Amino acid sequence: MTLPAQRLSFPSGGTVCAAWRFRAARDDLSTGAGAPCVVMAHGFGATRDCGLGAFAHEFARCGFEVLAFDYRGFGDSGGEPRQTVSVARQLADYRAAVAAARGLGGVDPGRIVLWGASLAGGHVLVTGARDGGVAAIVSLVPMADGLAAVRQAARQHRPGTLARSAATAVRGAVARLAGRGTRPVPLVGAPGSAAALSLPGQFEAYTALAGPAWRNEIDPAAGLEIGRYRPIRHARAVRAPLLVQIADLDRSAPPGAAARAAVAGRAEVRHYPCDHFDVFPGNPWFRPAVEHQLAFLRRHLGRDTEEDHSGR
């Protein structure tokens, strides 16, 4: 059964973010206050049409409302500059999406779920630490520690490739500070290329997920932005039930950092013997990953649960 998506938008930072709303297909989880709602965001440079719909359909089919959105500057959302990763802006967009979800008719504002993959897997830790009113959090293959990601990249790439990438990132950051436009680099490309992601197989895995709104380009300063970002520092402050799903062979988001964040956040943890993209639609570990998410959410957000969602 394919469920239709309603297009909508919400304000953030003086512009609008584009979103899809998937309506709950059944009322098993609904109460007089409405149904629980999963707020979904994607990872580094990705848009909502890069596989989020497959997860959203599963949630809606089981009785959850879903709001999946694009950050400012990406996909169908407004905002300038385009294809620029700003952690501060993306966190603000996530907060705006949560506020929009709480205001939707048919949604129980007390049962909001934060769902994030990859870079957004870190964003949900930060957002959940700051918003004590969320009911549950799902962090899929999270980028939990930018410093750990930099160290992992140093082991995975040849020194010459790293030096070129670092020089490009610094030039991009200087241009941004000077108020000048920067020429984007490919987001994903062949090994040894100037792309931000260039490990063997990453181009094929990423582009297999890509939807029509996705663009294969990114601000060259994005690497520096990510390297300074450490969501793991916020994990201890998370009070909502937390599920962390770790790809043990992850070459994009260090699994060790994800595991440390899970311990700090007192999370339920699921491990998968695969690489980063193997938990996404069209790959062998998608089904186990989404089934674990559904079981976790039903357990904590079911209509009959009497658990206090402000704790465990």
C-alpha atoms as a PDB file:
ATOM      1  CA  MET A   1       0.000   0.000   0.000  1.00  0.00           C
ATOM      2  CA  THR A   2       1.433   3.355  -1.078  1.00  0.00           C
ATOM      3  CA  LEU A   3       0.365   6.276   1.097  1.00  0.00           C
ATOM      4  CA  PRO A   4       0.118   9.769  -0.404  1.00  0.00           C
ATOM      5  CA  ALA A   5       2.232  12.615   0.946  1.00  0.00           C
ATOM      6  CA  GLN A   6       0.746  16.041   1.542  1.00  0.00           C
ATOM      7  CA  ARG A   7       3.066  18.906   0.642  1.00  0.00           C
ATOM      8  CA  LEU A   8       3.334  21.682   3.191  1.00  0.00           C
ATOM      9  CA  SER A   9       5.844  24.211   4.466  1.00  0.00           C
ATOM     10  CA  PHE A  10       6.721  25.937   7.719  1.00  0.00           C
ATOM     11  CA  PRO A  11       8.710  29.095   8.558  1.00  0.00           C
ATOM     12  CA  SER A  12      12.298  29.004   9.734  1.00  0.00           C
ATOM     13  CA  GLY A  13      14.925  31.710   9.787  1.00  0.00           C
ATOM     14  CA  GLY A  14      13.025  34.176   7.637  1.00  0.00           C
ATOM     15  CA  THR A  15      12.269  31.685   4.878  1.00  0.00           C
ATOM     16  CA  VAL A  16      10.294  28.462   4.514  1.00  0.00           C
ATOM     17  CA  CYS A  17      11.231  24.802   4.774  1.00  0.00           C
ATOM     18  CA  ALA A  18       9.453  22.359   2.473  1.00  0.00           C
ATOM     19  CA  ALA A  19       7.986  19.226   3.995  1.00  0.00           C
ATOM     20  CA  TRP A  20       5.866  16.153   3.418  1.00  0.00           C
ATOM     21  CA  ARG A  21       3.134  15.070   5.765  1.00  0.00           C
ATOM     22  CA  PHE A  22       2.100  11.440   5.800  1.00  0.00           C
ATOM     23  CA  ARG A  23      -1.181  10.798   7.596  1.00  0.00           C
ATOM     24  CA  ALA A  24      -1.591   7.846   9.921  1.00  0.00           C
ATOM     25  CA  ALA A  25      -3.289   5.007   8.036  1.00  0.00           C
ATOM     26  CA  ARG A  26      -4.881   3.535  11.174  1.00  0.00           C
ATOM     27  CA  ASP A  27      -5.922   4.795  14.599  1.00  0.00           C
ATOM     28  CA  ASP A  28      -4.288   2.137  16.780  1.00  0.00           C
ATOM     29  CA  LEU A  29      -2.018   4.736  18.411  1.00  0.00           C
ATOM     30  CA  SER A  30      -4.470   7.635  18.500  1.00  0.00           C
ATOM     31  CA  THR A  31      -6.050   9.104  21.617  1.00  0.00           C
ATOM     32  CA  GLY A  32      -8.305  12.072  22.157  1.00  0.00           C
ATOM     33  CA  ALA A  33      -5.204  14.262  21.858  1.00  0.00           C
ATOM     34  CA  GLY A  34      -4.307  12.838  18.442  1.00  0.00           C
ATOM     35  CA  ALA A  35      -1.691  10.485  17.032  1.00  0.00           C
ATOM     36  CA  PRO A  36       2.051  10.490  17.722  1.00  0.00           C
ATOM     37  CA  CYS A  37       4.129  12.240  15.051  1.00  0.00           C
ATOM     38  CA  VAL A  38       7.604  11.338  13.771  1.00  0.00           C
ATOM     39  CA  VAL A  39       9.620  14.392  12.662  1.00  0.00           C
ATOM     40  CA  MET A  40      12.231  13.242  10.127  1.00  0.00           C
ATOM     41  CA  ALA A  41      15.387  14.853   8.748  1.00  0.00           C
ATOM     42  CA  HIS A  42      18.212  13.505   6.598  1.00  0.00           C
ATOM     43  CA  GLY A  43      21.984  13.586   6.663  1.00  0.00           C
ATOM     44  CA  PHE A  44      24.913  15.376   5.037  1.00  0.00           C
ATOM     45  CA  GLY A  45      23.702  17.109   1.869  1.00  0.00           C
ATOM     46  CA  ALA A  46      20.667  14.836   1.527  1.00  0.00           C
ATOM     47  CA  THR A  47      17.068  15.791   0.834  1.00  0.00           C
ATOM     48  CA  ARG A  48      13.853  14.211   2.011  1.00  0.00           C
ATOM     49  CA  ASP A  49      13.433  12.398  -1.306  1.00  0.00           C
ATOM     50  CA  CYS A  50      16.620  10.423  -0.637  1.00  0.00           C
ATOM     51  CA  GLY A  51      14.874   7.455   0.954  1.00  0.00           C
ATOM     52  CA  LEU A  52      12.953   9.066   3.830  1.00  0.00           C
ATOM     53  CA  GLY A  53       9.645   8.237   2.173  1.00  0.00           C
ATOM     54  CA  ALA A  54      10.212   4.507   2.635  1.00  0.00           C
ATOM     55  CA  PHE A  55      10.658   4.930   6.389  1.00  0.00           C
ATOM     56  CA  ALA A  56       7.728   7.368   6.545  1.00  0.00           C
ATOM     57  CA  HIS A  57       5.398   4.909   4.801  1.00  0.00           C
ATOM     58  CA  GLU A  58       6.210   2.261   7.409  1.00  0.00           C
ATOM     59  CA  PHE A  59       5.481   4.643  10.273  1.00  0.00           C
ATOM     60  CA  ALA A  60       2.235   5.937   8.739  1.00  0.00           C
ATOM     61  CA  ARG A  61       1.074   2.406   7.950  1.00  0.00           C
ATOM     62  CA  CYS A  62       1.422   1.558  11.650  1.00  0.00           C
ATOM     63  CA  GLY A  63      -0.479   4.587  12.957  1.00  0.00           C
ATOM     64  CA  PHE A  64       2.078   7.389  13.195  1.00  0.00           C
ATOM     65  CA  GLU A  65       1.769  10.810  11.642  1.00  0.00           C
ATOM     66  CA  VAL A  66       4.999  11.833   9.873  1.00  0.00           C
ATOM     67  CA  LEU A  67       6.566  15.183   8.990  1.00  0.00           C
ATOM     68  CA  ALA A  68       9.686  14.882   6.785  1.00  0.00           C
ATOM     69  CA  PHE A  69      11.447  18.104   5.763  1.00  0.00           C
ATOM     70  CA  ASP A  70      14.347  19.678   3.874  1.00  0.00           C
ATOM     71  CA  TYR A  71      16.745  22.096   5.553  1.00  0.00           C
ATOM     72  CA  ARG A  72      17.071  25.664   4.367  1.00  0.00           C
ATOM     73  CA  GLY A  73      19.202  25.855   1.249  1.00  0.00           C
ATOM     74  CA  PHE A  74      18.499  22.263   0.221  1.00  0.00           C
ATOM     75  CA  GLY A  75      15.901  20.535  -1.919  1.00  0.00           C
ATOM     76  CA  ASP A  76      12.598  22.365  -2.216  1.00  0.00           C
ATOM     77  CA  SER A  77      13.182  24.613   0.790  1.00  0.00           C
ATOM     78  CA  GLY A  78      13.948  28.296   0.457  1.00  0.00           C
ATOM     79  CA  GLY A  79      16.960  30.131   1.762  1.00  0.00           C
ATOM     80  CA  GLU A  80      20.363  31.279   0.600  1.00  0.00           C
ATOM     81  CA  PRO A  81      23.132  30.317   0.197  1.00  0.00           C
ATOM     82  CA  ARG A  82      22.283  26.998  -1.405  1.00  0.00           C
ATOM     83  CA  GLN A  83      24.000  23.676  -0.655  1.00  0.00           C
ATOM     84  CA  THR A  84      25.718  25.096   2.428  1.00  0.00           C
ATOM     85  CA  VAL A  85      25.884  23.084   5.632  1.00  0.00           C
ATOM     86  CA  SER A  86      25.358  25.215   8.723  1.00  0.00           C
ATOM     87  CA  VAL A  87      24.862  23.190  11.883  1.00  0.00           C
ATOM     88  CA  ALA A  88      23.259  26.144  13.664  1.00  0.00           C
ATOM     89  CA  ARG A  89      20.756  26.685  10.842  1.00  0.00           C
ATOM     90  CA  GLN A  90      19.908  23.023  10.564  1.00  0.00           C
ATOM     91  CA  LEU A  91      19.299  22.739  14.308  1.00  0.00           C
ATOM     92  CA  ALA A  92      17.043  25.798  14.116  1.00  0.00           C
ATOM     93  CA  ASP A  93      15.172  24.198  11.197  1.00  0.00           C
ATOM     94  CA  TYR A  94      14.698  21.023  13.211  1.00  0.00           C
ATOM     95  CA  ARG A  95      13.248  23.005  16.127  1.00  0.00           C
ATOM     96  CA  ALA A  96      10.932  24.808  13.700  1.00  0.00           C
ATOM     97  CA  ALA A  97       9.814  21.451  12.257  1.00  0.00           C
ATOM     98  CA  VAL A  98       8.983  20.170  15.747  1.00  0.00           C
ATOM     99  CA  ALA A  99       6.963  23.310  16.451  1.00  0.00           C
ATOM    100  CA  ALA A 100       5.135  22.873  13.134  1.00  0.00           C
ATOM    101  CA  ALA A 101       4.378  19.219  13.910  1.00  0.00           C
ATOM    102  CA  ARG A 102       2.969  20.121  17.323  1.00  0.00           C
ATOM    103  CA  GLY A 103       0.567  22.515  15.621  1.00  0.00           C
ATOM    104  CA  LEU A 104      -0.828  20.058  13.070  1.00  0.00           C
ATOM    105  CA  GLY A 105      -4.432  18.951  13.423  1.00  0.00           C
ATOM    106  CA  GLY A 106      -4.677  15.316  14.447  1.00  0.00           C
ATOM    107  CA  VAL A 107      -1.206  15.282  16.057  1.00  0.00           C
ATOM    108  CA  ASP A 108      -0.727  14.726  19.779  1.00  0.00           C
ATOM    109  CA  PRO A 109       1.772  17.488  20.711  1.00  0.00           C
ATOM    110  CA  GLY A 110       2.889  15.457  23.712  1.00  0.00           C
ATOM    111  CA  ARG A 111       4.007  12.510  21.582  1.00  0.00           C
ATOM    112  CA  ILE A 112       6.570  13.952  19.171  1.00  0.00           C
ATOM    113  CA  VAL A 113       9.330  11.640  17.970  1.00  0.00           C
ATOM    114  CA  LEU A 114      12.680  12.986  16.745  1.00  0.00           C
ATOM    115  CA  TRP A 115      14.082  10.863  13.905  1.00  0.00           C
ATOM    116  CA  GLY A 116      17.414  11.560  12.264  1.00  0.00           C
ATOM    117  CA  ALA A 117      19.859   9.702  10.047  1.00  0.00           C
ATOM    118  CA  SER A 118      23.591  10.305   9.695  1.00  0.00           C
ATOM    119  CA  LEU A 119      24.217  14.026  10.348  1.00  0.00           C
ATOM    120  CA  ALA A 120      20.620  14.401  11.547  1.00  0.00           C
ATOM    121  CA  GLY A 121      21.269  11.446  13.839  1.00  0.00           C
ATOM    122  CA  GLY A 122      23.469  13.896  15.702  1.00  0.00           C
ATOM    123  CA  HIS A 123      20.938  16.714  15.387  1.00  0.00           C
ATOM    124  CA  VAL A 124      18.275  14.682  17.209  1.00  0.00           C
ATOM    125  CA  LEU A 125      20.620  14.203  20.163  1.00  0.00           C
ATOM    126  CA  VAL A 126      21.157  17.953  20.450  1.00  0.00           C
ATOM    127  CA  THR A 127      17.490  18.772  19.865  1.00  0.00           C
ATOM    128  CA  GLY A 128      16.330  16.123  22.314  1.00  0.00           C
ATOM    129  CA  ALA A 129      18.710  17.398  24.977  1.00  0.00           C
ATOM    130  CA  ARG A 130      17.258  20.897  24.595  1.00  0.00           C
ATOM    131  CA  ASP A 131      13.573  19.946  24.308  1.00  0.00           C
ATOM    132  CA  GLY A 132      12.371  18.010  27.313  1.00  0.00           C
ATOM    133  CA  GLY A 133       8.924  17.608  25.797  1.00  0.00           C
ATOM    134  CA  VAL A 134       9.761  15.066  23.103  1.00  0.00           C
ATOM    135  CA  ALA A 135       8.447  11.560  23.637  1.00  0.00           C
ATOM    136  CA  ALA A 136      11.159   9.452  21.950  1.00  0.00           C
ATOM    137  CA  ILE A 137      14.246   9.741  19.733  1.00  0.00           C
ATOM    138  CA  VAL A 138      15.554   7.531  16.918  1.00  0.00           C
ATOM    139  CA  SER A 139      19.167   8.113  15.875  1.00  0.00           C
ATOM    140  CA  LEU A 140      20.099   6.046  12.818  1.00  0.00           C
ATOM    141  CA  VAL A 141      23.819   5.586  11.968  1.00  0.00           C
ATOM    142  CA  PRO A 142      24.504   8.929  13.689  1.00  0.00           C
ATOM    143  CA  MET A 143      27.372  11.287  13.066  1.00  0.00           C
ATOM    144  CA  ALA A 144      27.895  11.710  16.797  1.00  0.00           C
ATOM    145  CA  ASP A 145      31.358  13.273  16.874  1.00  0.00           C
ATOM    146  CA  GLY A 146      32.897  15.360  14.102  1.00  0.00           C
ATOM    147  CA  LEU A 147      36.360  15.109  15.623  1.00  0.00           C
ATOM    148  CA  ALA A 148      36.159  11.313  15.517  1.00  0.00           C
ATOM    149  CA  ALA A 149      34.997  11.560  11.899  1.00  0.00           C
ATOM    150  CA  VAL A 150      38.039  13.665  11.000  1.00  0.00           C
ATOM    151  CA  ARG A 151      40.341  11.114  12.607  1.00  0.00           C
ATOM    152  CA  GLN A 152      38.614   8.269  10.795  1.00  0.00           C
ATOM    153  CA  ALA A 153      38.904  10.107   7.474  1.00  0.00           C
ATOM    154  CA  ALA A 154      42.613  10.586   8.065  1.00  0.00           C
ATOM    155  CA  ARG A 155      43.027   6.814   8.285  1.00  0.00           C
ATOM    156  CA  GLN A 156      40.887   6.138   5.204  1.00  0.00           C
ATOM    157  CA  HIS A 157      42.358   8.585   2.660  1.00  0.00           C
ATOM    158  CA  ARG A 158      45.766   9.147   1.180  1.00  0.00           C
ATOM    159  CA  PRO A 159      47.654  12.162   2.585  1.00  0.00           C
ATOM    160  CA  GLY A 160      47.594  13.972  -0.769  1.00  0.00           C
ATOM    161  CA  THR A 161      43.836  13.651  -1.072  1.00  0.00           C
ATOM    162  CA  LEU A 162      43.348  14.884   2.471  1.00  0.00           C
ATOM    163  CA  ALA A 163      45.667  17.836   1.911  1.00  0.00           C
ATOM    164  CA  ARG A 164      43.770  18.914  -1.216  1.00  0.00           C
ATOM    165  CA  SER A 165      40.436  18.588   0.538  1.00  0.00           C
ATOM    166  CA  ALA A 166      41.643  20.556   3.557  1.00  0.00           C
ATOM    167  CA  ALA A 167      43.003  23.343   1.361  1.00  0.00           C
ATOM    168  CA  THR A 168      39.720  23.554  -0.554  1.00  0.00           C
ATOM    169  CA  ALA A 169      37.746  23.658   2.700  1.00  0.00           C
ATOM    170  CA  VAL A 170      39.915  26.443   4.129  1.00  0.00           C
ATOM    171  CA  ARG A 171      39.586  28.520   0.961  1.00  0.00           C
ATOM    172  CA  GLY A 172      35.836  28.040   1.111  1.00  0.00           C
ATOM    173  CA  ALA A 173      35.672  29.097   4.750  1.00  0.00           C
ATOM    174  CA  VAL A 174      37.766  32.205   4.085  1.00  0.00           C
ATOM    175  CA  ALA A 175      35.540  33.140   1.154  1.00  0.00           C
ATOM    176  CA  ARG A 176      32.436  32.679   3.300  1.00  0.00           C
ATOM    177  CA  LEU A 177      33.845  34.922   6.052  1.00  0.00           C
ATOM    178  CA  ALA A 178      34.693  37.565   3.447  1.00  0.00           C
ATOM    179  CA  GLY A 179      31.146  37.459   2.136  1.00  0.00           C
ATOM    180  CA  ARG A 180      32.190  36.065  -1.230  1.00  0.00           C
ATOM    181  CA  GLY A 181      30.472  33.244  -3.035  1.00  0.00           C
ATOM    182  CA  THR A 182      32.201  29.887  -3.162  1.00  0.00           C
ATOM    183  CA  ARG A 183      32.317  27.368  -5.958  1.00  0.00           C
ATOM    184  CA  PRO A 184      30.758  24.102  -4.740  1.00  0.00           C
ATOM    185  CA  VAL A 185      32.537  20.774  -4.897  1.00  0.00           C
ATOM    186  CA  PRO A 186      30.865  17.439  -5.678  1.00  0.00           C
ATOM    187  CA  LEU A 187      29.216  16.001  -2.610  1.00  0.00           C
ATOM    188  CA  VAL A 188      30.044  12.434  -3.616  1.00  0.00           C
ATOM    189  CA  GLY A 189      32.433  11.145  -6.269  1.00  0.00           C
ATOM    190  CA  ALA A 190      34.947   8.556  -7.343  1.00  0.00           C
ATOM    191  CA  PRO A 191      37.894   7.570  -5.114  1.00  0.00           C
ATOM    192  CA  GLY A 192      40.664  10.168  -5.268  1.00  0.00           C
ATOM    193  CA  SER A 193      38.335  12.875  -6.594  1.00  0.00           C
ATOM    194  CA  ALA A 194      37.716  16.284  -5.056  1.00  0.00           C
ATOM    195  CA  ALA A 195      34.304  15.182  -3.761  1.00  0.00           C
ATOM    196  CA  ALA A 196      33.470  15.548  -0.083  1.00  0.00           C
ATOM    197  CA  LEU A 197      32.686  11.811   0.047  1.00  0.00           C
ATOM    198  CA  SER A 198      34.996   9.744  -2.118  1.00  0.00           C
ATOM    199  CA  LEU A 199      35.546   6.336  -0.547  1.00  0.00           C
ATOM    200  CA  PRO A 200      35.017   3.299  -2.793  1.00  0.00           C
ATOM    201  CA  GLY A 201      31.339   2.572  -3.245  1.00  0.00           C
ATOM    202  CA  GLN A 202      30.040   5.808  -1.728  1.00  0.00           C
ATOM    203  CA  PHE A 203      29.090   7.352  -5.072  1.00  0.00           C
ATOM    204  CA  GLU A 204      27.049   4.314  -6.047  1.00  0.00           C
ATOM    205  CA  ALA A 205      25.405   3.988  -2.624  1.00  0.00           C
ATOM    206  CA  TYR A 206      24.498   7.653  -2.278  1.00  0.00           C
ATOM    207  CA  THR A 207      23.241   8.203  -5.813  1.00  0.00           C
ATOM    208  CA  ALA A 208      21.102   5.060  -5.590  1.00  0.00           C
ATOM    209  CA  LEU A 209      19.110   6.864  -2.886  1.00  0.00           C
ATOM    210  CA  ALA A 210      19.029  10.263  -4.590  1.00  0.00           C
ATOM    211  CA  GLY A 211      15.711  11.818  -5.554  1.00  0.00           C
ATOM    212  CA  PRO A 212      14.985  14.567  -8.095  1.00  0.00           C
ATOM    213  CA  ALA A 213      15.470  17.427  -5.601  1.00  0.00           C
ATOM    214  CA  TRP A 214      18.970  16.277  -4.611  1.00  0.00           C
ATOM    215  CA  ARG A 215      22.018  17.997  -6.070  1.00  0.00           C
ATOM    216  CA  ASN A 216      25.501  16.510  -6.139  1.00  0.00           C
ATOM    217  CA  GLU A 217      27.284  19.560  -4.814  1.00  0.00           C
ATOM    218  CA  ILE A 218      28.188  21.027  -1.450  1.00  0.00           C
ATOM    219  CA  ASP A 219      29.897  24.078   0.007  1.00  0.00           C
ATOM    220  CA  PRO A 220      33.617  23.200   0.285  1.00  0.00           C
ATOM    221  CA  ALA A 221      33.707  24.554   3.842  1.00  0.00           C
ATOM    222  CA  ALA A 222      31.217  21.893   4.990  1.00  0.00           C
ATOM    223  CA  GLY A 223      34.002  19.600   6.166  1.00  0.00           C
ATOM    224  CA  LEU A 224      35.260  22.185   8.619  1.00  0.00           C
ATOM    225  CA  GLU A 225      31.721  22.748   9.890  1.00  0.00           C
ATOM    226  CA  ILE A 226      31.216  19.044  10.523  1.00  0.00           C
ATOM    227  CA  GLY A 227      34.636  18.613  12.108  1.00  0.00           C
ATOM    228  CA  ARG A 228      33.716  21.066  14.866  1.00  0.00           C
ATOM    229  CA  TYR A 229      30.337  19.486  15.562  1.00  0.00           C
ATOM    230  CA  ARG A 230      30.149  17.125  18.548  1.00  0.00           C
ATOM    231  CA  PRO A 231      26.596  16.022  19.371  1.00  0.00           C
ATOM    232  CA  ILE A 232      28.037  13.377  21.689  1.00  0.00           C
ATOM    233  CA  ARG A 233      28.516  16.140  24.257  1.00  0.00           C
ATOM    234  CA  HIS A 234      24.727  16.545  24.482  1.00  0.00           C
ATOM    235  CA  ALA A 235      23.788  12.878  24.770  1.00  0.00           C
ATOM    236  CA  ARG A 236      23.968  12.771  28.558  1.00  0.00           C
ATOM    237  CA  ALA A 237      21.272  15.472  28.773  1.00  0.00           C
ATOM    238  CA  VAL A 238      18.743  13.438  26.744  1.00  0.00           C
ATOM    239  CA  ARG A 239      15.853  12.307  28.920  1.00  0.00           C
ATOM    240  CA  ALA A 240      13.460  10.823  26.359  1.00  0.00           C
ATOM    241  CA  PRO A 241      13.659   7.139  25.408  1.00  0.00           C
ATOM    242  CA  LEU A 242      16.465   6.887  22.853  1.00  0.00           C
ATOM    243  CA  LEU A 243      17.215   4.292  20.176  1.00  0.00           C
ATOM    244  CA  VAL A 244      20.687   4.396  18.604  1.00  0.00           C
ATOM    245  CA  GLN A 245      21.237   2.181  15.551  1.00  0.00           C
ATOM    246  CA  ILE A 246      24.870   1.539  14.686  1.00  0.00           C
ATOM    247  CA  ALA A 247      26.396   0.175  11.488  1.00  0.00           C
ATOM    248  CA  ASP A 248      29.450  -1.613  12.833  1.00  0.00           C
ATOM    249  CA  LEU A 249      31.386  -1.259   9.550  1.00  0.00           C
ATOM    250  CA  ASP A 250      30.416   2.392   9.055  1.00  0.00           C
ATOM    251  CA  ARG A 251      33.018   4.323   7.055  1.00  0.00           C
ATOM    252  CA  SER A 252      31.076   7.611   7.118  1.00  0.00           C
ATOM    253  CA  ALA A 253      29.944   8.055  10.739  1.00  0.00           C
ATOM    254  CA  PRO A 254      32.363   6.473  13.246  1.00  0.00           C
ATOM    255  CA  PRO A 255      30.568   3.607  15.011  1.00  0.00           C
ATOM    256  CA  GLY A 256      32.687   3.930  18.130  1.00  0.00           C
ATOM    257  CA  ALA A 257      31.523   7.495  18.648  1.00  0.00           C
ATOM    258  CA  ALA A 258      27.911   6.429  18.121  1.00  0.00           C
ATOM    259  CA  ALA A 259      28.347   3.715  20.749  1.00  0.00           C
ATOM    260  CA  ARG A 260      29.799   6.203  23.249  1.00  0.00           C
ATOM    261  CA  ALA A 261      26.891   8.574  22.638  1.00  0.00           C
ATOM    262  CA  ALA A 262      24.468   5.707  23.184  1.00  0.00           C
ATOM    263  CA  VAL A 263      26.036   4.874  26.535  1.00  0.00           C
ATOM    264  CA  ALA A 264      25.928   8.542  27.589  1.00  0.00           C
ATOM    265  CA  GLY A 265      22.273   8.787  26.562  1.00  0.00           C
ATOM    266  CA  ARG A 266      21.301   5.498  28.258  1.00  0.00           C
ATOM    267  CA  ALA A 267      19.979   4.338  24.910  1.00  0.00           C
ATOM    268  CA  GLU A 268      18.581   1.132  23.555  1.00  0.00           C
ATOM    269  CA  VAL A 269      21.201   0.054  20.996  1.00  0.00           C
ATOM    270  CA  ARG A 270      20.926  -2.021  17.848  1.00  0.00           C
ATOM    271  CA  HIS A 271      23.964  -3.136  15.834  1.00  0.00           C
ATOM    272  CA  TYR A 272      24.087  -4.100  12.156  1.00  0.00           C
ATOM    273  CA  PRO A 273      27.090  -5.800  10.489  1.00  0.00           C
ATOM    274  CA  CYS A 274      27.185  -3.374   7.575  1.00  0.00           C
ATOM    275  CA  ASP A 275      28.335  -0.016   6.214  1.00  0.00           C
ATOM    276  CA  HIS A 276      26.593   3.352   6.539  1.00  0.00           C
ATOM    277  CA  PHE A 277      24.256   3.215   3.530  1.00  0.00           C
ATOM    278  CA  ASP A 278      23.241  -0.428   4.009  1.00  0.00           C
ATOM    279  CA  VAL A 279      20.437   0.495   6.438  1.00  0.00           C
ATOM    280  CA  PHE A 280      18.648   2.643   3.853  1.00  0.00           C
ATOM    281  CA  PRO A 281      15.901   1.573   1.405  1.00  0.00           C
ATOM    282  CA  GLY A 282      16.985  -0.868  -1.282  1.00  0.00           C
ATOM    283  CA  ASN A 283      19.673  -2.354   0.941  1.00  0.00           C
ATOM    284  CA  PRO A 284      19.690  -5.567   2.994  1.00  0.00           C
ATOM    285  CA  TRP A 285      19.586  -4.022   6.468  1.00  0.00           C
ATOM    286  CA  PHE A 286      16.746  -1.562   5.844  1.00  0.00           C
ATOM    287  CA  ARG A 287      14.047  -3.997   6.934  1.00  0.00           C
ATOM    288  CA  PRO A 288      15.670  -4.965  10.273  1.00  0.00           C
ATOM    289  CA  ALA A 289      16.425  -1.304  11.001  1.00  0.00           C
ATOM    290  CA  VAL A 290      12.875  -0.112  10.389  1.00  0.00           C
ATOM    291  CA  GLU A 291      11.361  -3.046  12.287  1.00  0.00           C
ATOM    292  CA  HIS A 292      13.521  -2.202  15.300  1.00  0.00           C
ATOM    293  CA  GLN A 293      12.363   1.423  15.074  1.00  0.00           C
ATOM    294  CA  LEU A 294       8.712   0.424  14.962  1.00  0.00           C
ATOM    295  CA  ALA A 295       9.050  -1.957  17.907  1.00  0.00           C
ATOM    296  CA  PHE A 296      10.823   0.728  19.941  1.00  0.00           C
ATOM    297  CA  LEU A 297       8.232   3.390  19.145  1.00  0.00           C
ATOM    298  CA  ARG A 298       5.243   1.154  19.784  1.00  0.00           C
ATOM    299  CA  ARG A 299       6.708   0.220  23.139  1.00  0.00           C
ATOM    300  CA  HIS A 300       7.167   3.828  24.240  1.00  0.00           C
ATOM    301  CA  LEU A 301       4.294   5.581  22.463  1.00  0.00           C
ATOM    302  CA  GLY A 302       1.519   3.007  22.429  1.00  0.00           C
ATOM    303  CA  ARG A 303      -1.917   4.254  23.363  1.00  0.00           C
ATOM    304  CA  ASP A 304      -2.043   2.196  26.533  1.00  0.00           C
ATOM    305  CA  THR A 305       1.432   2.930  27.853  1.00  0.00           C
ATOM    306  CA  GLU A 306       1.519   4.611  31.235  1.00  0.00           C
ATOM    307  CA  GLU A 307       5.211   5.376  31.113  1.00  0.00           C
ATOM    308  CA  ASP A 308       6.309   8.897  31.964  1.00  0.00           C
ATOM    309  CA  HIS A 309       8.037  10.021  28.757  1.00  0.00           C
ATOM    310  CA  SER A 310      10.044  12.646  30.605  1.00  0.00           C
ATOM    311  CA  GLY A 311      12.240   9.806  31.854  1.00  0.00           C
ATOM    312  CA  ARG A 312      12.821   6.183  30.976  1.00  0.00           C
END
